[in-house]
Amino acid sequence: MFCALVMLLLMMGCEAPLDLQGVEHVSEMPVKRFDRFQSMAKHGETLIVVGFNGTVLVSNDGAEKWKRLDLPGALDLIDVVACEDGSFAALDATRKIWISDDNGNSWDSKNIDTEDAVTTLTCGPDNKLWVGGSYTSIYSTADRGETWQTSSLGEDAMFTSIQFLDEDYGVASGEFGTVVVSADGGETWEAGPSMPNDFYPESTLFLDHDNGYTVGLNGKILKTTDAGASWTSEDSGTDAPLYGITVHAGDLYVVGEGGMMLHRKDGRWEHIQHGKPTRSYLRAALSVDDGQMLIAGGAGALFLVSTQN
């Protein structure tokens, strides 16, 4: 036993010291491989990316460098918007709104006055915040979350997108193809014709009062040219679920499962080979400048993509 103990001590003495430099380097990196990014917003030179576990990334140089914040008490940040006054607002799945007035460097939270699920966020031209949720409910605050107003159609459907095209006209869409419209700045909302086949829109974007697009599962893309009175299907060329739609340099782009990225060109959708190592889904895309887009999603996917031919 004595000899065995001596051998063990000798082996321990000869063992090389543990090198933690690589581990420390990884821990200091702003983007982690387990990050699940959900939404992005831009105002001026500031870019904000949010994701699960309270993750906020901030860039002030066109997405070249990032600073990471993990908001205390935040659970899953599922949406973020930039307001006209330069502030940012992020939506927490735990029914909180987070607001930053200093380009994303600090955030304050307010509770949303509801027990229902909250799912989508927008900021109107007047800097009023709007939140969509379950049971076709829409919540609004004009004082940064101090007080809330609630509207509901009383239907068992969840909104996935909400948008104001001007101070008066707003549109929200969601589960079972539900579409509701406001013509009085959100004071009242009225149900319009539903999207066909109980379509579940993951993301909807109206370019103006008449023309809009929505994307969803199985590679489905629907288009309206009459303010949602009717919808037609467009061939996406894929069966992959599609999660996000945006405008960049005047064109439409869509992102989805498996790193999928589509571009609408000359009335058709084409697959973009962006060459980025996406191991999971892409959830959001954002125009950085005329020649670059930022794409983000699961498994730490956060990349700049060139859109110049």
C-alpha atoms as a PDB file:
ATOM      1  CA  MET A   1       0.000   0.000   0.000  1.00  0.00           C
ATOM      2  CA  PHE A   2       2.882   2.323   0.889  1.00  0.00           C
ATOM      3  CA  CYS A   3       4.498   1.700  -2.508  1.00  0.00           C
ATOM      4  CA  ALA A   4       1.224   2.388  -4.328  1.00  0.00           C
ATOM      5  CA  LEU A   5       0.833   5.687  -2.469  1.00  0.00           C
ATOM      6  CA  VAL A   6       4.352   6.741  -3.397  1.00  0.00           C
ATOM      7  CA  MET A   7       3.701   5.955  -7.076  1.00  0.00           C
ATOM      8  CA  LEU A   8       0.473   7.977  -7.046  1.00  0.00           C
ATOM      9  CA  LEU A   9       2.237  11.000  -5.540  1.00  0.00           C
ATOM     10  CA  LEU A  10       4.983  10.752  -8.161  1.00  0.00           C
ATOM     11  CA  MET A  11       2.428  10.609 -10.964  1.00  0.00           C
ATOM     12  CA  MET A  12       0.598  13.651  -9.615  1.00  0.00           C
ATOM     13  CA  GLY A  13       3.839  15.555  -9.378  1.00  0.00           C
ATOM     14  CA  CYS A  14       4.671  14.809 -13.019  1.00  0.00           C
ATOM     15  CA  GLU A  15       1.239  15.779 -14.350  1.00  0.00           C
ATOM     16  CA  ALA A  16       1.221  18.937 -16.478  1.00  0.00           C
ATOM     17  CA  PRO A  17      -0.704  21.913 -15.055  1.00  0.00           C
ATOM     18  CA  LEU A  18      -4.252  22.267 -16.379  1.00  0.00           C
ATOM     19  CA  ASP A  19      -4.448  24.934 -19.107  1.00  0.00           C
ATOM     20  CA  LEU A  20      -7.722  26.878 -18.786  1.00  0.00           C
ATOM     21  CA  GLN A  21      -6.806  29.612 -21.255  1.00  0.00           C
ATOM     22  CA  GLY A  22      -9.004  28.173 -24.002  1.00  0.00           C
ATOM     23  CA  VAL A  23     -11.957  27.774 -21.650  1.00  0.00           C
ATOM     24  CA  GLU A  24     -11.572  31.346 -20.417  1.00  0.00           C
ATOM     25  CA  HIS A  25     -11.422  32.597 -24.000  1.00  0.00           C
ATOM     26  CA  VAL A  26     -14.662  30.832 -24.888  1.00  0.00           C
ATOM     27  CA  SER A  27     -16.409  32.143 -21.775  1.00  0.00           C
ATOM     28  CA  GLU A  28     -15.493  35.700 -22.781  1.00  0.00           C
ATOM     29  CA  MET A  29     -16.919  35.360 -26.284  1.00  0.00           C
ATOM     30  CA  PRO A  30     -20.221  37.256 -26.702  1.00  0.00           C
ATOM     31  CA  VAL A  31     -21.881  34.524 -28.780  1.00  0.00           C
ATOM     32  CA  LYS A  32     -22.263  31.071 -27.247  1.00  0.00           C
ATOM     33  CA  ARG A  33     -22.926  27.867 -29.162  1.00  0.00           C
ATOM     34  CA  PHE A  34     -26.011  27.203 -27.018  1.00  0.00           C
ATOM     35  CA  ASP A  35     -27.592  30.619 -27.740  1.00  0.00           C
ATOM     36  CA  ARG A  36     -31.062  30.628 -29.309  1.00  0.00           C
ATOM     37  CA  PHE A  37     -31.592  34.024 -30.877  1.00  0.00           C
ATOM     38  CA  GLN A  38     -35.165  35.041 -31.647  1.00  0.00           C
ATOM     39  CA  SER A  39     -35.327  38.637 -32.870  1.00  0.00           C
ATOM     40  CA  MET A  40     -33.278  41.661 -33.923  1.00  0.00           C
ATOM     41  CA  ALA A  41     -33.762  45.430 -34.212  1.00  0.00           C
ATOM     42  CA  LYS A  42     -31.754  48.388 -35.491  1.00  0.00           C
ATOM     43  CA  HIS A  43     -31.775  52.140 -34.885  1.00  0.00           C
ATOM     44  CA  GLY A  44     -29.001  54.292 -36.290  1.00  0.00           C
ATOM     45  CA  GLU A  45     -25.702  52.486 -35.730  1.00  0.00           C
ATOM     46  CA  THR A  46     -27.029  50.321 -32.898  1.00  0.00           C
ATOM     47  CA  LEU A  47     -28.008  46.683 -33.481  1.00  0.00           C
ATOM     48  CA  ILE A  48     -29.782  44.625 -30.820  1.00  0.00           C
ATOM     49  CA  VAL A  49     -30.186  40.821 -30.834  1.00  0.00           C
ATOM     50  CA  VAL A  50     -32.248  39.015 -28.182  1.00  0.00           C
ATOM     51  CA  GLY A  51     -32.768  35.373 -27.322  1.00  0.00           C
ATOM     52  CA  PHE A  52     -33.623  32.819 -24.689  1.00  0.00           C
ATOM     53  CA  ASN A  53     -32.211  32.910 -21.156  1.00  0.00           C
ATOM     54  CA  GLY A  54     -32.320  36.710 -21.107  1.00  0.00           C
ATOM     55  CA  THR A  55     -29.598  37.120 -23.715  1.00  0.00           C
ATOM     56  CA  VAL A  56     -29.034  40.558 -25.267  1.00  0.00           C
ATOM     57  CA  LEU A  57     -26.246  41.332 -27.748  1.00  0.00           C
ATOM     58  CA  VAL A  58     -25.392  44.935 -28.625  1.00  0.00           C
ATOM     59  CA  SER A  59     -23.308  46.241 -31.530  1.00  0.00           C
ATOM     60  CA  ASN A  60     -22.507  49.844 -32.408  1.00  0.00           C
ATOM     61  CA  ASP A  61     -20.294  49.172 -35.421  1.00  0.00           C
ATOM     62  CA  GLY A  62     -22.364  47.309 -37.993  1.00  0.00           C
ATOM     63  CA  ALA A  63     -22.210  43.894 -36.291  1.00  0.00           C
ATOM     64  CA  GLU A  64     -18.420  43.645 -36.344  1.00  0.00           C
ATOM     65  CA  LYS A  65     -18.116  43.586 -32.544  1.00  0.00           C
ATOM     66  CA  TRP A  66     -20.690  42.573 -29.936  1.00  0.00           C
ATOM     67  CA  LYS A  67     -21.215  43.170 -26.238  1.00  0.00           C
ATOM     68  CA  ARG A  68     -23.192  40.582 -24.301  1.00  0.00           C
ATOM     69  CA  LEU A  69     -25.719  41.267 -21.565  1.00  0.00           C
ATOM     70  CA  ASP A  70     -27.639  38.591 -19.665  1.00  0.00           C
ATOM     71  CA  LEU A  71     -30.587  40.440 -18.187  1.00  0.00           C
ATOM     72  CA  PRO A  72     -31.159  39.495 -14.545  1.00  0.00           C
ATOM     73  CA  GLY A  73     -34.576  38.006 -13.964  1.00  0.00           C
ATOM     74  CA  ALA A  74     -35.318  37.641 -17.676  1.00  0.00           C
ATOM     75  CA  LEU A  75     -36.401  34.234 -18.928  1.00  0.00           C
ATOM     76  CA  ASP A  76     -36.887  34.056 -22.688  1.00  0.00           C
ATOM     77  CA  LEU A  77     -36.671  37.236 -24.747  1.00  0.00           C
ATOM     78  CA  ILE A  78     -38.792  36.516 -27.816  1.00  0.00           C
ATOM     79  CA  ASP A  79     -39.029  39.858 -29.621  1.00  0.00           C
ATOM     80  CA  VAL A  80     -37.293  43.228 -29.823  1.00  0.00           C
ATOM     81  CA  VAL A  81     -38.181  46.481 -31.608  1.00  0.00           C
ATOM     82  CA  ALA A  82     -36.653  49.905 -32.177  1.00  0.00           C
ATOM     83  CA  CYS A  83     -38.876  52.939 -31.650  1.00  0.00           C
ATOM     84  CA  GLU A  84     -38.783  56.229 -33.534  1.00  0.00           C
ATOM     85  CA  ASP A  85     -37.463  58.039 -30.452  1.00  0.00           C
ATOM     86  CA  GLY A  86     -34.339  55.824 -30.430  1.00  0.00           C
ATOM     87  CA  SER A  87     -35.385  53.583 -27.550  1.00  0.00           C
ATOM     88  CA  PHE A  88     -35.504  49.785 -27.762  1.00  0.00           C
ATOM     89  CA  ALA A  89     -38.095  47.458 -26.233  1.00  0.00           C
ATOM     90  CA  ALA A  90     -37.855  43.692 -25.753  1.00  0.00           C
ATOM     91  CA  LEU A  91     -40.613  41.219 -24.918  1.00  0.00           C
ATOM     92  CA  ASP A  92     -40.085  38.576 -22.236  1.00  0.00           C
ATOM     93  CA  ALA A  93     -42.161  35.391 -22.315  1.00  0.00           C
ATOM     94  CA  THR A  94     -42.711  35.856 -18.574  1.00  0.00           C
ATOM     95  CA  ARG A  95     -45.061  38.779 -19.370  1.00  0.00           C
ATOM     96  CA  LYS A  96     -42.540  41.562 -18.991  1.00  0.00           C
ATOM     97  CA  ILE A  97     -41.426  44.385 -21.224  1.00  0.00           C
ATOM     98  CA  TRP A  98     -37.787  45.549 -21.115  1.00  0.00           C
ATOM     99  CA  ILE A  99     -36.892  49.076 -22.244  1.00  0.00           C
ATOM    100  CA  SER A 100     -33.519  50.653 -23.028  1.00  0.00           C
ATOM    101  CA  ASP A 101     -32.907  54.373 -23.605  1.00  0.00           C
ATOM    102  CA  ASP A 102     -29.119  54.164 -23.920  1.00  0.00           C
ATOM    103  CA  ASN A 103     -28.582  52.062 -27.047  1.00  0.00           C
ATOM    104  CA  GLY A 104     -29.024  48.754 -25.268  1.00  0.00           C
ATOM    105  CA  ASN A 105     -26.451  49.278 -22.531  1.00  0.00           C
ATOM    106  CA  SER A 106     -29.009  49.094 -19.698  1.00  0.00           C
ATOM    107  CA  TRP A 107     -32.567  47.811 -19.467  1.00  0.00           C
ATOM    108  CA  ASP A 108     -35.520  48.340 -17.122  1.00  0.00           C
ATOM    109  CA  SER A 109     -38.465  45.956 -16.930  1.00  0.00           C
ATOM    110  CA  LYS A 110     -42.188  46.417 -16.364  1.00  0.00           C
ATOM    111  CA  ASN A 111     -44.833  43.744 -15.939  1.00  0.00           C
ATOM    112  CA  ILE A 112     -47.556  43.387 -18.547  1.00  0.00           C
ATOM    113  CA  ASP A 113     -50.986  43.370 -16.966  1.00  0.00           C
ATOM    114  CA  THR A 114     -52.136  39.900 -18.047  1.00  0.00           C
ATOM    115  CA  GLU A 115     -52.083  36.224 -17.089  1.00  0.00           C
ATOM    116  CA  ASP A 116     -52.218  35.102 -20.722  1.00  0.00           C
ATOM    117  CA  ALA A 117     -49.293  34.268 -22.977  1.00  0.00           C
ATOM    118  CA  VAL A 118     -47.547  37.127 -24.801  1.00  0.00           C
ATOM    119  CA  THR A 119     -46.015  36.421 -28.188  1.00  0.00           C
ATOM    120  CA  THR A 120     -45.217  39.450 -30.348  1.00  0.00           C
ATOM    121  CA  LEU A 121     -44.237  43.108 -30.003  1.00  0.00           C
ATOM    122  CA  THR A 122     -44.199  46.281 -32.092  1.00  0.00           C
ATOM    123  CA  CYS A 123     -43.648  50.009 -31.598  1.00  0.00           C
ATOM    124  CA  GLY A 124     -46.032  52.397 -33.326  1.00  0.00           C
ATOM    125  CA  PRO A 125     -45.026  55.633 -35.091  1.00  0.00           C
ATOM    126  CA  ASP A 126     -46.018  57.501 -31.904  1.00  0.00           C
ATOM    127  CA  ASN A 127     -43.646  55.298 -29.803  1.00  0.00           C
ATOM    128  CA  LYS A 128     -46.580  53.474 -28.237  1.00  0.00           C
ATOM    129  CA  LEU A 129     -45.811  49.817 -27.514  1.00  0.00           C
ATOM    130  CA  TRP A 130     -48.142  47.029 -28.623  1.00  0.00           C
ATOM    131  CA  VAL A 131     -48.048  43.392 -27.510  1.00  0.00           C
ATOM    132  CA  GLY A 132     -50.004  40.535 -29.066  1.00  0.00           C
ATOM    133  CA  GLY A 133     -50.866  37.385 -27.184  1.00  0.00           C
ATOM    134  CA  SER A 134     -53.212  34.474 -26.697  1.00  0.00           C
ATOM    135  CA  TYR A 135     -57.039  34.657 -26.893  1.00  0.00           C
ATOM    136  CA  THR A 136     -56.670  37.287 -29.662  1.00  0.00           C
ATOM    137  CA  SER A 137     -55.568  39.810 -27.051  1.00  0.00           C
ATOM    138  CA  ILE A 138     -53.660  43.010 -27.799  1.00  0.00           C
ATOM    139  CA  TYR A 139     -52.062  45.080 -25.044  1.00  0.00           C
ATOM    140  CA  SER A 140     -50.808  48.648 -25.414  1.00  0.00           C
ATOM    141  CA  THR A 141     -48.904  51.111 -23.274  1.00  0.00           C
ATOM    142  CA  ALA A 142     -48.198  54.783 -23.892  1.00  0.00           C
ATOM    143  CA  ASP A 143     -46.137  55.235 -20.718  1.00  0.00           C
ATOM    144  CA  ARG A 144     -43.470  52.546 -21.060  1.00  0.00           C
ATOM    145  CA  GLY A 145     -45.350  49.828 -19.250  1.00  0.00           C
ATOM    146  CA  GLU A 146     -46.623  51.800 -16.256  1.00  0.00           C
ATOM    147  CA  THR A 147     -50.220  51.242 -17.376  1.00  0.00           C
ATOM    148  CA  TRP A 148     -51.760  48.959 -20.003  1.00  0.00           C
ATOM    149  CA  GLN A 149     -54.878  48.946 -22.166  1.00  0.00           C
ATOM    150  CA  THR A 150     -56.333  45.639 -23.405  1.00  0.00           C
ATOM    151  CA  SER A 151     -58.360  44.717 -26.466  1.00  0.00           C
ATOM    152  CA  SER A 152     -59.579  41.233 -27.372  1.00  0.00           C
ATOM    153  CA  LEU A 153     -61.794  39.574 -29.941  1.00  0.00           C
ATOM    154  CA  GLY A 154     -62.487  36.790 -27.457  1.00  0.00           C
ATOM    155  CA  GLU A 155     -61.307  34.052 -29.832  1.00  0.00           C
ATOM    156  CA  ASP A 156     -59.063  31.160 -28.809  1.00  0.00           C
ATOM    157  CA  ALA A 157     -56.209  32.127 -31.128  1.00  0.00           C
ATOM    158  CA  MET A 158     -52.689  33.431 -30.559  1.00  0.00           C
ATOM    159  CA  PHE A 159     -51.222  36.393 -32.431  1.00  0.00           C
ATOM    160  CA  THR A 160     -47.768  35.928 -33.964  1.00  0.00           C
ATOM    161  CA  SER A 161     -47.301  39.321 -35.672  1.00  0.00           C
ATOM    162  CA  ILE A 162     -48.466  42.869 -35.078  1.00  0.00           C
ATOM    163  CA  GLN A 163     -47.577  45.903 -37.181  1.00  0.00           C
ATOM    164  CA  PHE A 164     -48.531  49.574 -37.602  1.00  0.00           C
ATOM    165  CA  LEU A 165     -48.111  51.013 -41.096  1.00  0.00           C
ATOM    166  CA  ASP A 166     -48.917  54.538 -39.935  1.00  0.00           C
ATOM    167  CA  GLU A 167     -50.442  56.225 -36.891  1.00  0.00           C
ATOM    168  CA  ASP A 168     -53.916  54.933 -37.753  1.00  0.00           C
ATOM    169  CA  TYR A 169     -53.602  51.627 -39.591  1.00  0.00           C
ATOM    170  CA  GLY A 170     -52.541  48.501 -37.731  1.00  0.00           C
ATOM    171  CA  VAL A 171     -52.772  44.808 -38.572  1.00  0.00           C
ATOM    172  CA  ALA A 172     -52.231  41.681 -36.486  1.00  0.00           C
ATOM    173  CA  SER A 173     -52.234  38.041 -37.578  1.00  0.00           C
ATOM    174  CA  GLY A 174     -51.939  34.685 -35.936  1.00  0.00           C
ATOM    175  CA  GLU A 175     -53.207  31.192 -35.278  1.00  0.00           C
ATOM    176  CA  PHE A 176     -55.887  29.682 -37.557  1.00  0.00           C
ATOM    177  CA  GLY A 177     -55.118  32.364 -40.143  1.00  0.00           C
ATOM    178  CA  THR A 178     -56.628  35.074 -37.965  1.00  0.00           C
ATOM    179  CA  VAL A 179     -56.271  38.629 -39.282  1.00  0.00           C
ATOM    180  CA  VAL A 180     -57.490  41.729 -37.420  1.00  0.00           C
ATOM    181  CA  VAL A 181     -57.230  45.350 -38.527  1.00  0.00           C
ATOM    182  CA  SER A 182     -57.437  48.725 -36.822  1.00  0.00           C
ATOM    183  CA  ALA A 183     -58.140  51.972 -38.687  1.00  0.00           C
ATOM    184  CA  ASP A 184     -58.170  54.230 -35.625  1.00  0.00           C
ATOM    185  CA  GLY A 185     -54.732  53.851 -34.110  1.00  0.00           C
ATOM    186  CA  GLY A 186     -55.588  50.695 -32.183  1.00  0.00           C
ATOM    187  CA  GLU A 187     -58.619  52.072 -30.370  1.00  0.00           C
ATOM    188  CA  THR A 188     -60.702  49.306 -31.933  1.00  0.00           C
ATOM    189  CA  TRP A 189     -59.852  46.125 -33.857  1.00  0.00           C
ATOM    190  CA  GLU A 190     -62.023  44.271 -36.340  1.00  0.00           C
ATOM    191  CA  ALA A 191     -61.618  40.749 -37.704  1.00  0.00           C
ATOM    192  CA  GLY A 192     -61.001  40.494 -41.426  1.00  0.00           C
ATOM    193  CA  PRO A 193     -61.177  37.427 -43.695  1.00  0.00           C
ATOM    194  CA  SER A 194     -58.989  34.589 -42.433  1.00  0.00           C
ATOM    195  CA  MET A 195     -56.047  33.170 -44.314  1.00  0.00           C
ATOM    196  CA  PRO A 196     -56.989  29.931 -46.139  1.00  0.00           C
ATOM    197  CA  ASN A 197     -56.820  26.431 -44.631  1.00  0.00           C
ATOM    198  CA  ASP A 198     -56.332  27.606 -41.034  1.00  0.00           C
ATOM    199  CA  PHE A 199     -52.829  28.701 -42.009  1.00  0.00           C
ATOM    200  CA  TYR A 200     -50.492  29.287 -39.046  1.00  0.00           C
ATOM    201  CA  PRO A 201     -48.389  32.379 -39.858  1.00  0.00           C
ATOM    202  CA  GLU A 202     -45.009  32.341 -38.165  1.00  0.00           C
ATOM    203  CA  SER A 203     -44.312  35.857 -39.431  1.00  0.00           C
ATOM    204  CA  THR A 204     -46.347  38.387 -41.424  1.00  0.00           C
ATOM    205  CA  LEU A 205     -45.123  41.577 -43.068  1.00  0.00           C
ATOM    206  CA  PHE A 206     -47.238  44.197 -44.829  1.00  0.00           C
ATOM    207  CA  LEU A 207     -45.373  46.496 -47.213  1.00  0.00           C
ATOM    208  CA  ASP A 208     -48.318  48.904 -47.370  1.00  0.00           C
ATOM    209  CA  HIS A 209     -52.066  48.799 -46.680  1.00  0.00           C
ATOM    210  CA  ASP A 210     -52.727  46.423 -49.580  1.00  0.00           C
ATOM    211  CA  ASN A 211     -49.622  44.274 -50.105  1.00  0.00           C
ATOM    212  CA  GLY A 212     -48.480  41.748 -47.536  1.00  0.00           C
ATOM    213  CA  TYR A 213     -46.690  38.418 -47.160  1.00  0.00           C
ATOM    214  CA  THR A 214     -46.805  35.708 -44.529  1.00  0.00           C
ATOM    215  CA  VAL A 215     -44.662  32.589 -43.981  1.00  0.00           C
ATOM    216  CA  GLY A 216     -45.152  29.385 -42.022  1.00  0.00           C
ATOM    217  CA  LEU A 217     -44.639  25.651 -41.799  1.00  0.00           C
ATOM    218  CA  ASN A 218     -43.938  23.316 -44.739  1.00  0.00           C
ATOM    219  CA  GLY A 219     -42.328  26.139 -46.699  1.00  0.00           C
ATOM    220  CA  LYS A 220     -45.639  27.953 -47.142  1.00  0.00           C
ATOM    221  CA  ILE A 221     -45.637  31.576 -48.328  1.00  0.00           C
ATOM    222  CA  LEU A 222     -48.896  33.469 -48.844  1.00  0.00           C
ATOM    223  CA  LYS A 223     -49.365  36.860 -50.504  1.00  0.00           C
ATOM    224  CA  THR A 224     -52.179  39.414 -50.447  1.00  0.00           C
ATOM    225  CA  THR A 225     -52.648  42.421 -52.718  1.00  0.00           C
ATOM    226  CA  ASP A 226     -56.033  43.532 -51.346  1.00  0.00           C
ATOM    227  CA  ALA A 227     -55.342  44.260 -47.662  1.00  0.00           C
ATOM    228  CA  GLY A 228     -55.904  40.637 -46.623  1.00  0.00           C
ATOM    229  CA  ALA A 229     -59.291  40.170 -48.286  1.00  0.00           C
ATOM    230  CA  SER A 230     -57.751  37.239 -50.179  1.00  0.00           C
ATOM    231  CA  TRP A 231     -54.464  35.325 -50.098  1.00  0.00           C
ATOM    232  CA  THR A 232     -52.627  33.371 -52.788  1.00  0.00           C
ATOM    233  CA  SER A 233     -49.853  30.805 -52.355  1.00  0.00           C
ATOM    234  CA  GLU A 234     -46.365  31.333 -53.761  1.00  0.00           C
ATOM    235  CA  ASP A 235     -43.910  28.525 -54.530  1.00  0.00           C
ATOM    236  CA  SER A 236     -41.027  28.729 -52.070  1.00  0.00           C
ATOM    237  CA  GLY A 237     -39.175  25.734 -53.498  1.00  0.00           C
ATOM    238  CA  THR A 238     -38.802  24.154 -50.051  1.00  0.00           C
ATOM    239  CA  ASP A 239     -40.742  22.151 -47.463  1.00  0.00           C
ATOM    240  CA  ALA A 240     -38.683  23.563 -44.592  1.00  0.00           C
ATOM    241  CA  PRO A 241     -40.559  25.556 -41.940  1.00  0.00           C
ATOM    242  CA  LEU A 242     -40.143  29.298 -42.496  1.00  0.00           C
ATOM    243  CA  TYR A 243     -39.948  31.587 -39.479  1.00  0.00           C
ATOM    244  CA  GLY A 244     -39.025  35.145 -40.436  1.00  0.00           C
ATOM    245  CA  ILE A 245     -39.549  37.657 -43.246  1.00  0.00           C
ATOM    246  CA  THR A 246     -37.969  41.068 -43.786  1.00  0.00           C
ATOM    247  CA  VAL A 247     -37.186  43.744 -46.377  1.00  0.00           C
ATOM    248  CA  HIS A 248     -33.625  44.474 -47.423  1.00  0.00           C
ATOM    249  CA  ALA A 249     -32.587  46.910 -50.172  1.00  0.00           C
ATOM    250  CA  GLY A 250     -36.162  46.872 -51.473  1.00  0.00           C
ATOM    251  CA  ASP A 251     -36.371  43.065 -51.736  1.00  0.00           C
ATOM    252  CA  LEU A 252     -37.996  40.408 -49.549  1.00  0.00           C
ATOM    253  CA  TYR A 253     -35.959  37.805 -47.665  1.00  0.00           C
ATOM    254  CA  VAL A 254     -37.151  34.803 -45.640  1.00  0.00           C
ATOM    255  CA  VAL A 255     -35.295  32.576 -43.152  1.00  0.00           C
ATOM    256  CA  GLY A 256     -36.212  29.217 -41.663  1.00  0.00           C
ATOM    257  CA  GLU A 257     -35.265  25.732 -40.509  1.00  0.00           C
ATOM    258  CA  GLY A 258     -31.880  24.220 -41.303  1.00  0.00           C
ATOM    259  CA  GLY A 259     -30.284  27.560 -42.124  1.00  0.00           C
ATOM    260  CA  MET A 260     -32.768  28.154 -44.956  1.00  0.00           C
ATOM    261  CA  MET A 261     -32.635  31.598 -46.577  1.00  0.00           C
ATOM    262  CA  LEU A 262     -34.790  32.719 -49.506  1.00  0.00           C
ATOM    263  CA  HIS A 263     -34.815  35.826 -51.703  1.00  0.00           C
ATOM    264  CA  ARG A 264     -37.750  37.030 -53.779  1.00  0.00           C
ATOM    265  CA  LYS A 265     -36.427  38.156 -57.150  1.00  0.00           C
ATOM    266  CA  ASP A 266     -38.391  38.917 -60.333  1.00  0.00           C
ATOM    267  CA  GLY A 267     -41.558  37.524 -58.757  1.00  0.00           C
ATOM    268  CA  ARG A 268     -39.973  34.205 -57.752  1.00  0.00           C
ATOM    269  CA  TRP A 269     -38.353  32.820 -54.611  1.00  0.00           C
ATOM    270  CA  GLU A 270     -34.784  31.563 -54.884  1.00  0.00           C
ATOM    271  CA  HIS A 271     -32.610  29.743 -52.357  1.00  0.00           C
ATOM    272  CA  ILE A 272     -29.552  31.683 -51.136  1.00  0.00           C
ATOM    273  CA  GLN A 273     -26.382  29.686 -50.507  1.00  0.00           C
ATOM    274  CA  HIS A 274     -25.056  31.927 -47.740  1.00  0.00           C
ATOM    275  CA  GLY A 275     -22.266  29.504 -46.777  1.00  0.00           C
ATOM    276  CA  LYS A 276     -22.607  30.059 -43.038  1.00  0.00           C
ATOM    277  CA  PRO A 277     -22.282  27.090 -40.619  1.00  0.00           C
ATOM    278  CA  THR A 278     -25.847  27.065 -39.318  1.00  0.00           C
ATOM    279  CA  ARG A 279     -26.528  23.868 -37.361  1.00  0.00           C
ATOM    280  CA  SER A 280     -30.114  24.731 -36.474  1.00  0.00           C
ATOM    281  CA  TYR A 281     -32.880  27.140 -37.459  1.00  0.00           C
ATOM    282  CA  LEU A 282     -32.668  30.766 -38.559  1.00  0.00           C
ATOM    283  CA  ARG A 283     -35.308  32.861 -36.851  1.00  0.00           C
ATOM    284  CA  ALA A 284     -34.631  36.442 -37.909  1.00  0.00           C
ATOM    285  CA  ALA A 285     -32.934  38.549 -40.579  1.00  0.00           C
ATOM    286  CA  LEU A 286     -32.110  42.253 -40.478  1.00  0.00           C
ATOM    287  CA  SER A 287     -30.767  44.717 -43.018  1.00  0.00           C
ATOM    288  CA  VAL A 288     -27.466  46.214 -41.839  1.00  0.00           C
ATOM    289  CA  ASP A 289     -26.641  48.236 -44.951  1.00  0.00           C
ATOM    290  CA  ASP A 290     -27.385  47.982 -48.668  1.00  0.00           C
ATOM    291  CA  GLY A 291     -24.941  45.117 -49.144  1.00  0.00           C
ATOM    292  CA  GLN A 292     -25.200  43.130 -45.913  1.00  0.00           C
ATOM    293  CA  MET A 293     -27.794  41.365 -43.801  1.00  0.00           C
ATOM    294  CA  LEU A 294     -27.555  39.926 -40.313  1.00  0.00           C
ATOM    295  CA  ILE A 295     -29.093  36.482 -39.784  1.00  0.00           C
ATOM    296  CA  ALA A 296     -29.697  34.844 -36.409  1.00  0.00           C
ATOM    297  CA  GLY A 297     -31.181  31.687 -34.910  1.00  0.00           C
ATOM    298  CA  GLY A 298     -30.447  28.569 -32.886  1.00  0.00           C
ATOM    299  CA  ALA A 299     -27.131  26.972 -31.884  1.00  0.00           C
ATOM    300  CA  GLY A 300     -25.433  30.365 -31.695  1.00  0.00           C
ATOM    301  CA  ALA A 301     -26.147  31.315 -35.308  1.00  0.00           C
ATOM    302  CA  LEU A 302     -25.296  35.002 -35.807  1.00  0.00           C
ATOM    303  CA  PHE A 303     -23.704  35.924 -39.121  1.00  0.00           C
ATOM    304  CA  LEU A 304     -23.290  38.771 -41.564  1.00  0.00           C
ATOM    305  CA  VAL A 305     -24.329  37.752 -45.084  1.00  0.00           C
ATOM    306  CA  SER A 306     -23.339  39.642 -48.217  1.00  0.00           C
ATOM    307  CA  THR A 307     -26.222  40.265 -50.619  1.00  0.00           C
ATOM    308  CA  GLN A 308     -24.135  41.784 -53.379  1.00  0.00           C
ATOM    309  CA  ASN A 309     -23.789  39.764 -56.566  1.00  0.00           C
END
